[in-house]
Amino acid sequence: MTERARYWSGLVKAWEGSGLSQAAFCRERGVPAGTFAWWKRRLRRAQGDGVKHGERSPRRVGRFVEVRLAGTCSMPAYEVVLAHGRSIRIPSGFDPQTLSRLIAAVESC
């Protein structure tokens, strides 16, 4: 790694640990934001970060990486279909007295 690359690598690491946005970090350090972004991309490609050319890297906030879960849907244990097409979905273990009051309230509307 060249001396220049080591310098920029150090800046990128300092930014990642700073908790600042990239723009705020560059302003604070007096670094051109476009140059910083270019070096960040170049260094990450050289490290093989797994992001293909043209794809966006995961959004980084401090040292955390945003994660989105897909297909996590919990199904209700029961579904009570009421008059006028209304329904109530409830989990197993739901209190029967509370369910009775809920049905009465919904049916009175």
PDB file of N, CA and C in Angstrom:
ATOM      1  N   MET A   1       0.856  -1.173   0.000  1.00  0.00           N
ATOM      2  CA  MET A   1       0.000   0.000   0.000  1.00  0.00           C
ATOM      3  C   MET A   1       0.901   1.235   0.000  1.00  0.00           C
ATOM      4  N   THR A   2       0.563   2.189  -0.822  1.00  0.00           N
ATOM      5  CA  THR A   2       1.355   3.414  -0.912  1.00  0.00           C
ATOM      6  C   THR A   2       1.122   4.285   0.317  1.00  0.00           C
ATOM      7  N   GLU A   3       1.981   5.257   0.506  1.00  0.00           N
ATOM      8  CA  GLU A   3       1.843   6.173   1.634  1.00  0.00           C
ATOM      9  C   GLU A   3       0.530   6.950   1.543  1.00  0.00           C
ATOM     10  N   ARG A   4       0.181   7.344   0.326  1.00  0.00           N
ATOM     11  CA  ARG A   4      -1.064   8.088   0.108  1.00  0.00           C
ATOM     12  C   ARG A   4      -2.268   7.208   0.458  1.00  0.00           C
ATOM     13  N   ALA A   5      -2.236   5.948   0.034  1.00  0.00           N
ATOM     14  CA  ALA A   5      -3.340   5.026   0.338  1.00  0.00           C
ATOM     15  C   ALA A   5      -3.437   4.789   1.845  1.00  0.00           C
ATOM     16  N   ARG A   6      -2.295   4.689   2.524  1.00  0.00           N
ATOM     17  CA  ARG A   6      -2.319   4.519   3.984  1.00  0.00           C
ATOM     18  C   ARG A   6      -2.947   5.738   4.664  1.00  0.00           C
ATOM     19  N   TYR A   7      -2.617   6.932   4.155  1.00  0.00           N
ATOM     20  CA  TYR A   7      -3.199   8.158   4.704  1.00  0.00           C
ATOM     21  C   TYR A   7      -4.718   8.127   4.593  1.00  0.00           C
ATOM     22  N   TRP A   8      -5.209   7.825   3.376  1.00  0.00           N
ATOM     23  CA  TRP A   8      -6.653   7.819   3.153  1.00  0.00           C
ATOM     24  C   TRP A   8      -7.320   6.673   3.899  1.00  0.00           C
ATOM     25  N   SER A   9      -6.646   5.555   4.008  1.00  0.00           N
ATOM     26  CA  SER A   9      -7.183   4.429   4.771  1.00  0.00           C
ATOM     27  C   SER A   9      -7.364   4.831   6.235  1.00  0.00           C
ATOM     28  N   GLY A  10      -6.401   5.551   6.770  1.00  0.00           N
ATOM     29  CA  GLY A  10      -6.512   6.040   8.148  1.00  0.00           C
ATOM     30  C   GLY A  10      -7.678   7.002   8.317  1.00  0.00           C
ATOM     31  N   LEU A  11      -7.874   7.867   7.323  1.00  0.00           N
ATOM     32  CA  LEU A  11      -9.006   8.793   7.389  1.00  0.00           C
ATOM     33  C   LEU A  11     -10.342   8.047   7.337  1.00  0.00           C
ATOM     34  N   VAL A  12     -10.429   7.055   6.464  1.00  0.00           N
ATOM     35  CA  VAL A  12     -11.677   6.279   6.352  1.00  0.00           C
ATOM     36  C   VAL A  12     -11.957   5.567   7.671  1.00  0.00           C
ATOM     37  N   LYS A  13     -10.930   4.980   8.290  1.00  0.00           N
ATOM     38  CA  LYS A  13     -11.127   4.303   9.584  1.00  0.00           C
ATOM     39  C   LYS A  13     -11.541   5.297  10.665  1.00  0.00           C
ATOM     40  N   ALA A  14     -10.936   6.483  10.640  1.00  0.00           N
ATOM     41  CA  ALA A  14     -11.308   7.512  11.614  1.00  0.00           C
ATOM     42  C   ALA A  14     -12.766   7.926  11.421  1.00  0.00           C
ATOM     43  N   TRP A  15     -13.202   8.051  10.159  1.00  0.00           N
ATOM     44  CA  TRP A  15     -14.596   8.404   9.883  1.00  0.00           C
ATOM     45  C   TRP A  15     -15.539   7.315  10.392  1.00  0.00           C
ATOM     46  N   GLU A  16     -15.208   6.038  10.119  1.00  0.00           N
ATOM     47  CA  GLU A  16     -16.080   4.932  10.535  1.00  0.00           C
ATOM     48  C   GLU A  16     -16.273   4.914  12.046  1.00  0.00           C
ATOM     49  N   GLY A  17     -15.254   5.281  12.789  1.00  0.00           N
ATOM     50  CA  GLY A  17     -15.366   5.290  14.241  1.00  0.00           C
ATOM     51  C   GLY A  17     -15.878   6.595  14.818  1.00  0.00           C
ATOM     52  N   SER A  18     -16.069   7.596  13.972  1.00  0.00           N
ATOM     53  CA  SER A  18     -16.437   8.926  14.471  1.00  0.00           C
ATOM     54  C   SER A  18     -17.912   9.072  14.809  1.00  0.00           C
ATOM     55  N   GLY A  19     -18.765   8.311  14.156  1.00  0.00           N
ATOM     56  CA  GLY A  19     -20.204   8.480  14.350  1.00  0.00           C
ATOM     57  C   GLY A  19     -20.768   9.650  13.565  1.00  0.00           C
ATOM     58  N   LEU A  20     -19.929  10.325  12.790  1.00  0.00           N
ATOM     59  CA  LEU A  20     -20.376  11.466  11.985  1.00  0.00           C
ATOM     60  C   LEU A  20     -20.800  11.004  10.599  1.00  0.00           C
ATOM     61  N   SER A  21     -21.600  11.829   9.950  1.00  0.00           N
ATOM     62  CA  SER A  21     -21.894  11.554   8.545  1.00  0.00           C
ATOM     63  C   SER A  21     -20.610  11.809   7.767  1.00  0.00           C
ATOM     64  N   GLN A  22     -20.549  11.275   6.577  1.00  0.00           N
ATOM     65  CA  GLN A  22     -19.356  11.463   5.750  1.00  0.00           C
ATOM     66  C   GLN A  22     -19.130  12.954   5.476  1.00  0.00           C
ATOM     67  N   ALA A  23     -20.205  13.681   5.171  1.00  0.00           N
ATOM     68  CA  ALA A  23     -20.093  15.110   4.873  1.00  0.00           C
ATOM     69  C   ALA A  23     -19.586  15.892   6.088  1.00  0.00           C
ATOM     70  N   ALA A  24     -20.134  15.593   7.268  1.00  0.00           N
ATOM     71  CA  ALA A  24     -19.722  16.299   8.489  1.00  0.00           C
ATOM     72  C   ALA A  24     -18.259  16.004   8.811  1.00  0.00           C
ATOM     73  N   PHE A  25     -17.859  14.754   8.647  1.00  0.00           N
ATOM     74  CA  PHE A  25     -16.461  14.375   8.906  1.00  0.00           C
ATOM     75  C   PHE A  25     -15.521  15.144   7.979  1.00  0.00           C
ATOM     76  N   CYS A  26     -15.865  15.202   6.694  1.00  0.00           N
ATOM     77  CA  CYS A  26     -15.017  15.895   5.722  1.00  0.00           C
ATOM     78  C   CYS A  26     -14.935  17.389   6.034  1.00  0.00           C
ATOM     79  N   ARG A  27     -16.071  17.990   6.409  1.00  0.00           N
ATOM     80  CA  ARG A  27     -16.058  19.406   6.769  1.00  0.00           C
ATOM     81  C   ARG A  27     -15.156  19.645   7.976  1.00  0.00           C
ATOM     82  N   GLU A  28     -15.306  18.769   8.986  1.00  0.00           N
ATOM     83  CA  GLU A  28     -14.537  18.911  10.220  1.00  0.00           C
ATOM     84  C   GLU A  28     -13.033  18.782   9.963  1.00  0.00           C
ATOM     85  N   ARG A  29     -12.646  17.889   9.062  1.00  0.00           N
ATOM     86  CA  ARG A  29     -11.239  17.650   8.769  1.00  0.00           C
ATOM     87  C   ARG A  29     -10.694  18.505   7.629  1.00  0.00           C
ATOM     88  N   GLY A  30     -11.576  19.241   6.946  1.00  0.00           N
ATOM     89  CA  GLY A  30     -11.135  20.055   5.822  1.00  0.00           C
ATOM     90  C   GLY A  30     -10.723  19.216   4.620  1.00  0.00           C
ATOM     91  N   VAL A  31     -11.412  18.088   4.437  1.00  0.00           N
ATOM     92  CA  VAL A  31     -11.103  17.146   3.358  1.00  0.00           C
ATOM     93  C   VAL A  31     -12.157  17.280   2.267  1.00  0.00           C
ATOM     94  N   PRO A  32     -11.777  17.347   0.992  1.00  0.00           N
ATOM     95  CA  PRO A  32     -12.775  17.396  -0.081  1.00  0.00           C
ATOM     96  C   PRO A  32     -13.640  16.123  -0.062  1.00  0.00           C
ATOM     97  N   ALA A  33     -14.958  16.297   0.044  1.00  0.00           N
ATOM     98  CA  ALA A  33     -15.874  15.158   0.170  1.00  0.00           C
ATOM     99  C   ALA A  33     -15.789  14.221  -1.035  1.00  0.00           C
ATOM    100  N   GLY A  34     -15.654  14.766  -2.237  1.00  0.00           N
ATOM    101  CA  GLY A  34     -15.561  13.925  -3.436  1.00  0.00           C
ATOM    102  C   GLY A  34     -14.305  13.070  -3.431  1.00  0.00           C
ATOM    103  N   THR A  35     -13.195  13.643  -2.999  1.00  0.00           N
ATOM    104  CA  THR A  35     -11.939  12.902  -2.931  1.00  0.00           C
ATOM    105  C   THR A  35     -12.038  11.811  -1.871  1.00  0.00           C
ATOM    106  N   PHE A  36     -12.637  12.152  -0.739  1.00  0.00           N
ATOM    107  CA  PHE A  36     -12.819  11.167   0.327  1.00  0.00           C
ATOM    108  C   PHE A  36     -13.648   9.982  -0.170  1.00  0.00           C
ATOM    109  N   ALA A  37     -14.766  10.276  -0.836  1.00  0.00           N
ATOM    110  CA  ALA A  37     -15.645   9.213  -1.349  1.00  0.00           C
ATOM    111  C   ALA A  37     -14.915   8.347  -2.364  1.00  0.00           C
ATOM    112  N   TRP A  38     -14.112   8.980  -3.229  1.00  0.00           N
ATOM    113  CA  TRP A  38     -13.362   8.221  -4.234  1.00  0.00           C
ATOM    114  C   TRP A  38     -12.397   7.269  -3.559  1.00  0.00           C
ATOM    115  N   TRP A  39     -11.637   7.741  -2.574  1.00  0.00           N
ATOM    116  CA  TRP A  39     -10.679   6.887  -1.874  1.00  0.00           C
ATOM    117  C   TRP A  39     -11.388   5.783  -1.081  1.00  0.00           C
ATOM    118  N   LYS A  40     -12.504   6.120  -0.477  1.00  0.00           N
ATOM    119  CA  LYS A  40     -13.250   5.112   0.280  1.00  0.00           C
ATOM    120  C   LYS A  40     -13.658   3.958  -0.642  1.00  0.00           C
ATOM    121  N   ARG A  41     -14.196   4.282  -1.822  1.00  0.00           N
ATOM    122  CA  ARG A  41     -14.583   3.243  -2.789  1.00  0.00           C
ATOM    123  C   ARG A  41     -13.368   2.446  -3.242  1.00  0.00           C
ATOM    124  N   ARG A  42     -12.294   3.150  -3.560  1.00  0.00           N
ATOM    125  CA  ARG A  42     -11.086   2.483  -4.045  1.00  0.00           C
ATOM    126  C   ARG A  42     -10.523   1.522  -2.997  1.00  0.00           C
ATOM    127  N   LEU A  43     -10.455   1.965  -1.762  1.00  0.00           N
ATOM    128  CA  LEU A  43      -9.919   1.122  -0.692  1.00  0.00           C
ATOM    129  C   LEU A  43     -10.820  -0.080  -0.423  1.00  0.00           C
ATOM    130  N   ARG A  44     -12.108   0.127  -0.463  1.00  0.00           N
ATOM    131  CA  ARG A  44     -13.038  -0.993  -0.212  1.00  0.00           C
ATOM    132  C   ARG A  44     -12.958  -2.024  -1.337  1.00  0.00           C
ATOM    133  N   ARG A  45     -12.827  -1.554  -2.566  1.00  0.00           N
ATOM    134  CA  ARG A  45     -12.676  -2.494  -3.684  1.00  0.00           C
ATOM    135  C   ARG A  45     -11.387  -3.282  -3.537  1.00  0.00           C
ATOM    136  N   ALA A  46     -10.332  -2.606  -3.131  1.00  0.00           N
ATOM    137  CA  ALA A  46      -9.037  -3.270  -2.960  1.00  0.00           C
ATOM    138  C   ALA A  46      -9.104  -4.311  -1.844  1.00  0.00           C
ATOM    139  N   GLN A  47      -9.933  -4.064  -0.834  1.00  0.00           N
ATOM    140  CA  GLN A  47     -10.088  -5.003   0.276  1.00  0.00           C
ATOM    141  C   GLN A  47     -11.062  -6.125  -0.065  1.00  0.00           C
ATOM    142  N   GLY A  48     -11.768  -5.987  -1.174  1.00  0.00           N
ATOM    143  CA  GLY A  48     -12.754  -7.012  -1.553  1.00  0.00           C
ATOM    144  C   GLY A  48     -13.885  -7.078  -0.568  1.00  0.00           C
ATOM    145  N   ASP A  49     -14.652  -5.979  -0.437  1.00  0.00           N
ATOM    146  CA  ASP A  49     -15.731  -5.917   0.550  1.00  0.00           C
ATOM    147  C   ASP A  49     -16.978  -6.688   0.148  1.00  0.00           C
ATOM    148  N   GLY A  50     -16.947  -7.360  -0.985  1.00  0.00           N
ATOM    149  CA  GLY A  50     -18.094  -8.154  -1.389  1.00  0.00           C
ATOM    150  C   GLY A  50     -19.160  -7.381  -2.121  1.00  0.00           C
ATOM    151  N   VAL A  51     -19.000  -6.083  -2.267  1.00  0.00           N
ATOM    152  CA  VAL A  51     -19.979  -5.274  -2.989  1.00  0.00           C
ATOM    153  C   VAL A  51     -19.524  -5.169  -4.434  1.00  0.00           C
ATOM    154  N   LYS A  52     -20.374  -5.581  -5.350  1.00  0.00           N
ATOM    155  CA  LYS A  52     -20.032  -5.547  -6.769  1.00  0.00           C
ATOM    156  C   LYS A  52     -20.105  -4.126  -7.306  1.00  0.00           C
ATOM    157  N   HIS A  53     -19.391  -3.877  -8.383  1.00  0.00           N
ATOM    158  CA  HIS A  53     -19.389  -2.557  -9.007  1.00  0.00           C
ATOM    159  C   HIS A  53     -20.816  -2.156  -9.380  1.00  0.00           C
ATOM    160  N   GLY A  54     -21.206  -0.968  -9.009  1.00  0.00           N
ATOM    161  CA  GLY A  54     -22.545  -0.478  -9.328  1.00  0.00           C
ATOM    162  C   GLY A  54     -23.562  -0.753  -8.237  1.00  0.00           C
ATOM    163  N   GLU A  55     -23.234  -1.616  -7.253  1.00  0.00           N
ATOM    164  CA  GLU A  55     -24.154  -1.883  -6.157  1.00  0.00           C
ATOM    165  C   GLU A  55     -23.851  -0.935  -5.007  1.00  0.00           C
ATOM    166  N   ARG A  56     -24.846  -0.694  -4.182  1.00  0.00           N
ATOM    167  CA  ARG A  56     -24.642   0.143  -3.008  1.00  0.00           C
ATOM    168  C   ARG A  56     -24.209  -0.717  -1.840  1.00  0.00           C
ATOM    169  N   SER A  57     -23.278  -0.210  -1.049  1.00  0.00           N
ATOM    170  CA  SER A  57     -22.887  -0.915   0.163  1.00  0.00           C
ATOM    171  C   SER A  57     -23.973  -0.719   1.201  1.00  0.00           C
ATOM    172  N   PRO A  58     -24.007  -1.580   2.205  1.00  0.00           N
ATOM    173  CA  PRO A  58     -24.985  -1.379   3.273  1.00  0.00           C
ATOM    174  C   PRO A  58     -24.761  -0.029   3.941  1.00  0.00           C
ATOM    175  N   ARG A  59     -25.829   0.597   4.379  1.00  0.00           N
ATOM    176  CA  ARG A  59     -25.716   1.892   5.047  1.00  0.00           C
ATOM    177  C   ARG A  59     -25.015   1.680   6.377  1.00  0.00           C
ATOM    178  N   ARG A  60     -23.963   2.442   6.614  1.00  0.00           N
ATOM    179  CA  ARG A  60     -23.203   2.302   7.853  1.00  0.00           C
ATOM    180  C   ARG A  60     -23.517   3.469   8.771  1.00  0.00           C
ATOM    181  N   VAL A  61     -23.793   3.160  10.014  1.00  0.00           N
ATOM    182  CA  VAL A  61     -24.038   4.168  11.026  1.00  0.00           C
ATOM    183  C   VAL A  61     -23.072   3.848  12.154  1.00  0.00           C
ATOM    184  N   GLY A  62     -22.041   4.663  12.284  1.00  0.00           N
ATOM    185  CA  GLY A  62     -21.028   4.352  13.278  1.00  0.00           C
ATOM    186  C   GLY A  62     -20.383   3.033  12.938  1.00  0.00           C
ATOM    187  N   ARG A  63     -20.421   2.100  13.847  1.00  0.00           N
ATOM    188  CA  ARG A  63     -19.846   0.775  13.607  1.00  0.00           C
ATOM    189  C   ARG A  63     -20.914  -0.271  13.323  1.00  0.00           C
ATOM    190  N   PHE A  64     -22.173   0.152  13.214  1.00  0.00           N
ATOM    191  CA  PHE A  64     -23.252  -0.785  12.977  1.00  0.00           C
ATOM    192  C   PHE A  64     -23.608  -0.803  11.500  1.00  0.00           C
ATOM    193  N   VAL A  65     -24.124  -1.914  11.035  1.00  0.00           N
ATOM    194  CA  VAL A  65     -24.557  -2.047   9.658  1.00  0.00           C
ATOM    195  C   VAL A  65     -26.055  -2.313   9.667  1.00  0.00           C
ATOM    196  N   GLU A  66     -26.792  -1.561   8.856  1.00  0.00           N
ATOM    197  CA  GLU A  66     -28.233  -1.734   8.766  1.00  0.00           C
ATOM    198  C   GLU A  66     -28.541  -3.105   8.188  1.00  0.00           C
ATOM    199  N   VAL A  67     -29.473  -3.822   8.810  1.00  0.00           N
ATOM    200  CA  VAL A  67     -29.876  -5.145   8.352  1.00  0.00           C
ATOM    201  C   VAL A  67     -31.379  -5.148   8.188  1.00  0.00           C
ATOM    202  N   ARG A  68     -31.835  -5.650   7.050  1.00  0.00           N
ATOM    203  CA  ARG A  68     -33.276  -5.784   6.814  1.00  0.00           C
ATOM    204  C   ARG A  68     -33.615  -7.257   6.736  1.00  0.00           C
ATOM    205  N   LEU A  69     -34.569  -7.681   7.532  1.00  0.00           N
ATOM    206  CA  LEU A  69     -34.985  -9.078   7.547  1.00  0.00           C
ATOM    207  C   LEU A  69     -36.141  -9.278   6.580  1.00  0.00           C
ATOM    208  N   ALA A  70     -36.076 -10.339   5.823  1.00  0.00           N
ATOM    209  CA  ALA A  70     -37.137 -10.638   4.866  1.00  0.00           C
ATOM    210  C   ALA A  70     -37.883 -11.896   5.315  1.00  0.00           C
ATOM    211  N   GLY A  71     -39.176 -11.896   5.083  1.00  0.00           N
ATOM    212  CA  GLY A  71     -39.971 -13.091   5.336  1.00  0.00           C
ATOM    213  C   GLY A  71     -40.201 -13.389   6.801  1.00  0.00           C
ATOM    214  N   THR A  72     -40.156 -12.385   7.645  1.00  0.00           N
ATOM    215  CA  THR A  72     -40.426 -12.628   9.061  1.00  0.00           C
ATOM    216  C   THR A  72     -41.844 -12.193   9.364  1.00  0.00           C
ATOM    217  N   CYS A  73     -42.765 -13.102   9.225  1.00  0.00           N
ATOM    218  CA  CYS A  73     -44.177 -12.798   9.436  1.00  0.00           C
ATOM    219  C   CYS A  73     -44.737 -13.836  10.393  1.00  0.00           C
ATOM    220  N   SER A  74     -45.243 -13.388  11.517  1.00  0.00           N
ATOM    221  CA  SER A  74     -45.822 -14.351  12.448  1.00  0.00           C
ATOM    222  C   SER A  74     -47.315 -14.469  12.157  1.00  0.00           C
ATOM    223  N   MET A  75     -47.780 -15.665  12.029  1.00  0.00           N
ATOM    224  CA  MET A  75     -49.185 -15.921  11.729  1.00  0.00           C
ATOM    225  C   MET A  75     -49.963 -16.012  13.035  1.00  0.00           C
ATOM    226  N   PRO A  76     -51.194 -15.500  13.054  1.00  0.00           N
ATOM    227  CA  PRO A  76     -52.004 -15.626  14.265  1.00  0.00           C
ATOM    228  C   PRO A  76     -52.376 -17.078  14.506  1.00  0.00           C
ATOM    229  N   ALA A  77     -52.590 -17.405  15.745  1.00  0.00           N
ATOM    230  CA  ALA A  77     -52.988 -18.769  16.076  1.00  0.00           C
ATOM    231  C   ALA A  77     -54.462 -19.001  15.739  1.00  0.00           C
ATOM    232  N   TYR A  78     -55.274 -17.938  15.865  1.00  0.00           N
ATOM    233  CA  TYR A  78     -56.706 -18.044  15.586  1.00  0.00           C
ATOM    234  C   TYR A  78     -57.167 -16.811  14.817  1.00  0.00           C
ATOM    235  N   GLU A  79     -58.228 -17.001  14.026  1.00  0.00           N
ATOM    236  CA  GLU A  79     -58.870 -15.875  13.370  1.00  0.00           C
ATOM    237  C   GLU A  79     -60.365 -16.054  13.556  1.00  0.00           C
ATOM    238  N   VAL A  80     -61.008 -15.045  14.144  1.00  0.00           N
ATOM    239  CA  VAL A  80     -62.447 -15.058  14.372  1.00  0.00           C
ATOM    240  C   VAL A  80     -63.068 -14.145  13.322  1.00  0.00           C
ATOM    241  N   VAL A  81     -63.937 -14.717  12.463  1.00  0.00           N
ATOM    242  CA  VAL A  81     -64.592 -13.936  11.423  1.00  0.00           C
ATOM    243  C   VAL A  81     -65.952 -13.510  11.949  1.00  0.00           C
ATOM    244  N   LEU A  82     -66.178 -12.196  11.922  1.00  0.00           N
ATOM    245  CA  LEU A  82     -67.416 -11.620  12.461  1.00  0.00           C
ATOM    246  C   LEU A  82     -68.324 -11.185  11.322  1.00  0.00           C
ATOM    247  N   ALA A  83     -69.492 -10.652  11.703  1.00  0.00           N
ATOM    248  CA  ALA A  83     -70.448 -10.153  10.715  1.00  0.00           C
ATOM    249  C   ALA A  83     -69.830  -9.003   9.930  1.00  0.00           C
ATOM    250  N   HIS A  84     -70.342  -8.777   8.731  1.00  0.00           N
ATOM    251  CA  HIS A  84     -69.917  -7.687   7.861  1.00  0.00           C
ATOM    252  C   HIS A  84     -68.456  -7.822   7.417  1.00  0.00           C
ATOM    253  N   GLY A  85     -67.934  -9.047   7.423  1.00  0.00           N
ATOM    254  CA  GLY A  85     -66.590  -9.302   6.915  1.00  0.00           C
ATOM    255  C   GLY A  85     -65.459  -8.898   7.846  1.00  0.00           C
ATOM    256  N   ARG A  86     -65.783  -8.508   9.033  1.00  0.00           N
ATOM    257  CA  ARG A  86     -64.735  -8.149   9.986  1.00  0.00           C
ATOM    258  C   ARG A  86     -64.126  -9.400  10.599  1.00  0.00           C
ATOM    259  N   SER A  87     -62.853  -9.304  10.937  1.00  0.00           N
ATOM    260  CA  SER A  87     -62.209 -10.446  11.581  1.00  0.00           C
ATOM    261  C   SER A  87     -61.235  -9.961  12.647  1.00  0.00           C
ATOM    262  N   ILE A  88     -60.996 -10.845  13.583  1.00  0.00           N
ATOM    263  CA  ILE A  88     -60.038 -10.573  14.656  1.00  0.00           C
ATOM    264  C   ILE A  88     -59.023 -11.705  14.637  1.00  0.00           C
ATOM    265  N   ARG A  89     -57.761 -11.352  14.559  1.00  0.00           N
ATOM    266  CA  ARG A  89     -56.685 -12.348  14.612  1.00  0.00           C
ATOM    267  C   ARG A  89     -56.058 -12.287  15.991  1.00  0.00           C
ATOM    268  N   ILE A  90     -55.959 -13.437  16.628  1.00  0.00           N
ATOM    269  CA  ILE A  90     -55.435 -13.465  17.996  1.00  0.00           C
ATOM    270  C   ILE A  90     -54.394 -14.571  18.141  1.00  0.00           C
ATOM    271  N   PRO A  91     -53.424 -14.359  19.012  1.00  0.00           N
ATOM    272  CA  PRO A  91     -52.424 -15.396  19.261  1.00  0.00           C
ATOM    273  C   PRO A  91     -52.981 -16.443  20.218  1.00  0.00           C
ATOM    274  N   SER A  92     -52.357 -17.589  20.243  1.00  0.00           N
ATOM    275  CA  SER A  92     -52.789 -18.601  21.213  1.00  0.00           C
ATOM    276  C   SER A  92     -52.490 -18.063  22.610  1.00  0.00           C
ATOM    277  N   GLY A  93     -53.301 -18.481  23.568  1.00  0.00           N
ATOM    278  CA  GLY A  93     -53.114 -18.028  24.932  1.00  0.00           C
ATOM    279  C   GLY A  93     -53.793 -16.700  25.229  1.00  0.00           C
ATOM    280  N   PHE A  94     -54.593 -16.201  24.277  1.00  0.00           N
ATOM    281  CA  PHE A  94     -55.298 -14.944  24.486  1.00  0.00           C
ATOM    282  C   PHE A  94     -56.390 -15.160  25.518  1.00  0.00           C
ATOM    283  N   ASP A  95     -56.575 -14.216  26.423  1.00  0.00           N
ATOM    284  CA  ASP A  95     -57.560 -14.334  27.501  1.00  0.00           C
ATOM    285  C   ASP A  95     -58.984 -14.368  26.933  1.00  0.00           C
ATOM    286  N   PRO A  96     -59.764 -15.432  27.210  1.00  0.00           N
ATOM    287  CA  PRO A  96     -61.120 -15.568  26.650  1.00  0.00           C
ATOM    288  C   PRO A  96     -62.077 -14.435  27.067  1.00  0.00           C
ATOM    289  N   GLN A  97     -61.969 -13.953  28.291  1.00  0.00           N
ATOM    290  CA  GLN A  97     -62.857 -12.872  28.733  1.00  0.00           C
ATOM    291  C   GLN A  97     -62.554 -11.589  27.961  1.00  0.00           C
ATOM    292  N   THR A  98     -61.307 -11.317  27.739  1.00  0.00           N
ATOM    293  CA  THR A  98     -60.925 -10.139  26.968  1.00  0.00           C
ATOM    294  C   THR A  98     -61.410 -10.284  25.536  1.00  0.00           C
ATOM    295  N   LEU A  99     -61.317 -11.497  24.989  1.00  0.00           N
ATOM    296  CA  LEU A  99     -61.799 -11.751  23.630  1.00  0.00           C
ATOM    297  C   LEU A  99     -63.300 -11.504  23.551  1.00  0.00           C
ATOM    298  N   SER A 100     -64.061 -11.951  24.542  1.00  0.00           N
ATOM    299  CA  SER A 100     -65.512 -11.719  24.568  1.00  0.00           C
ATOM    300  C   SER A 100     -65.819 -10.225  24.555  1.00  0.00           C
ATOM    301  N   ARG A 101     -65.121  -9.469  25.379  1.00  0.00           N
ATOM    302  CA  ARG A 101     -65.350  -8.013  25.422  1.00  0.00           C
ATOM    303  C   ARG A 101     -64.963  -7.369  24.101  1.00  0.00           C
ATOM    304  N   LEU A 102     -63.878  -7.840  23.478  1.00  0.00           N
ATOM    305  CA  LEU A 102     -63.441  -7.308  22.202  1.00  0.00           C
ATOM    306  C   LEU A 102     -64.470  -7.569  21.104  1.00  0.00           C
ATOM    307  N   ILE A 103     -64.999  -8.800  21.057  1.00  0.00           N
ATOM    308  CA  ILE A 103     -66.015  -9.144  20.054  1.00  0.00           C
ATOM    309  C   ILE A 103     -67.259  -8.290  20.259  1.00  0.00           C
ATOM    310  N   ALA A 104     -67.711  -8.138  21.507  1.00  0.00           N
ATOM    311  CA  ALA A 104     -68.896  -7.327  21.800  1.00  0.00           C
ATOM    312  C   ALA A 104     -68.679  -5.879  21.349  1.00  0.00           C
ATOM    313  N   ALA A 105     -67.489  -5.360  21.601  1.00  0.00           N
ATOM    314  CA  ALA A 105     -67.192  -3.968  21.211  1.00  0.00           C
ATOM    315  C   ALA A 105     -67.183  -3.825  19.702  1.00  0.00           C
ATOM    316  N   VAL A 106     -66.575  -4.759  18.997  1.00  0.00           N
ATOM    317  CA  VAL A 106     -66.499  -4.679  17.531  1.00  0.00           C
ATOM    318  C   VAL A 106     -67.881  -4.864  16.922  1.00  0.00           C
ATOM    319  N   GLU A 107     -68.675  -5.779  17.429  1.00  0.00           N
ATOM    320  CA  GLU A 107     -70.002  -6.043  16.891  1.00  0.00           C
ATOM    321  C   GLU A 107     -70.973  -4.882  17.159  1.00  0.00           C
ATOM    322  N   SER A 108     -70.696  -4.066  18.182  1.00  0.00           N
ATOM    323  CA  SER A 108     -71.605  -2.954  18.484  1.00  0.00           C
ATOM    324  C   SER A 108     -71.391  -1.762  17.563  1.00  0.00           C
ATOM    325  N   CYS A 109     -70.332  -1.779  16.788  1.00  0.00           N
ATOM    326  CA  CYS A 109     -70.042  -0.658  15.866  1.00  0.00           C
ATOM    327  C   CYS A 109     -70.841  -0.754  14.596  1.00  0.00           C
TER     328      CYS A 109
END
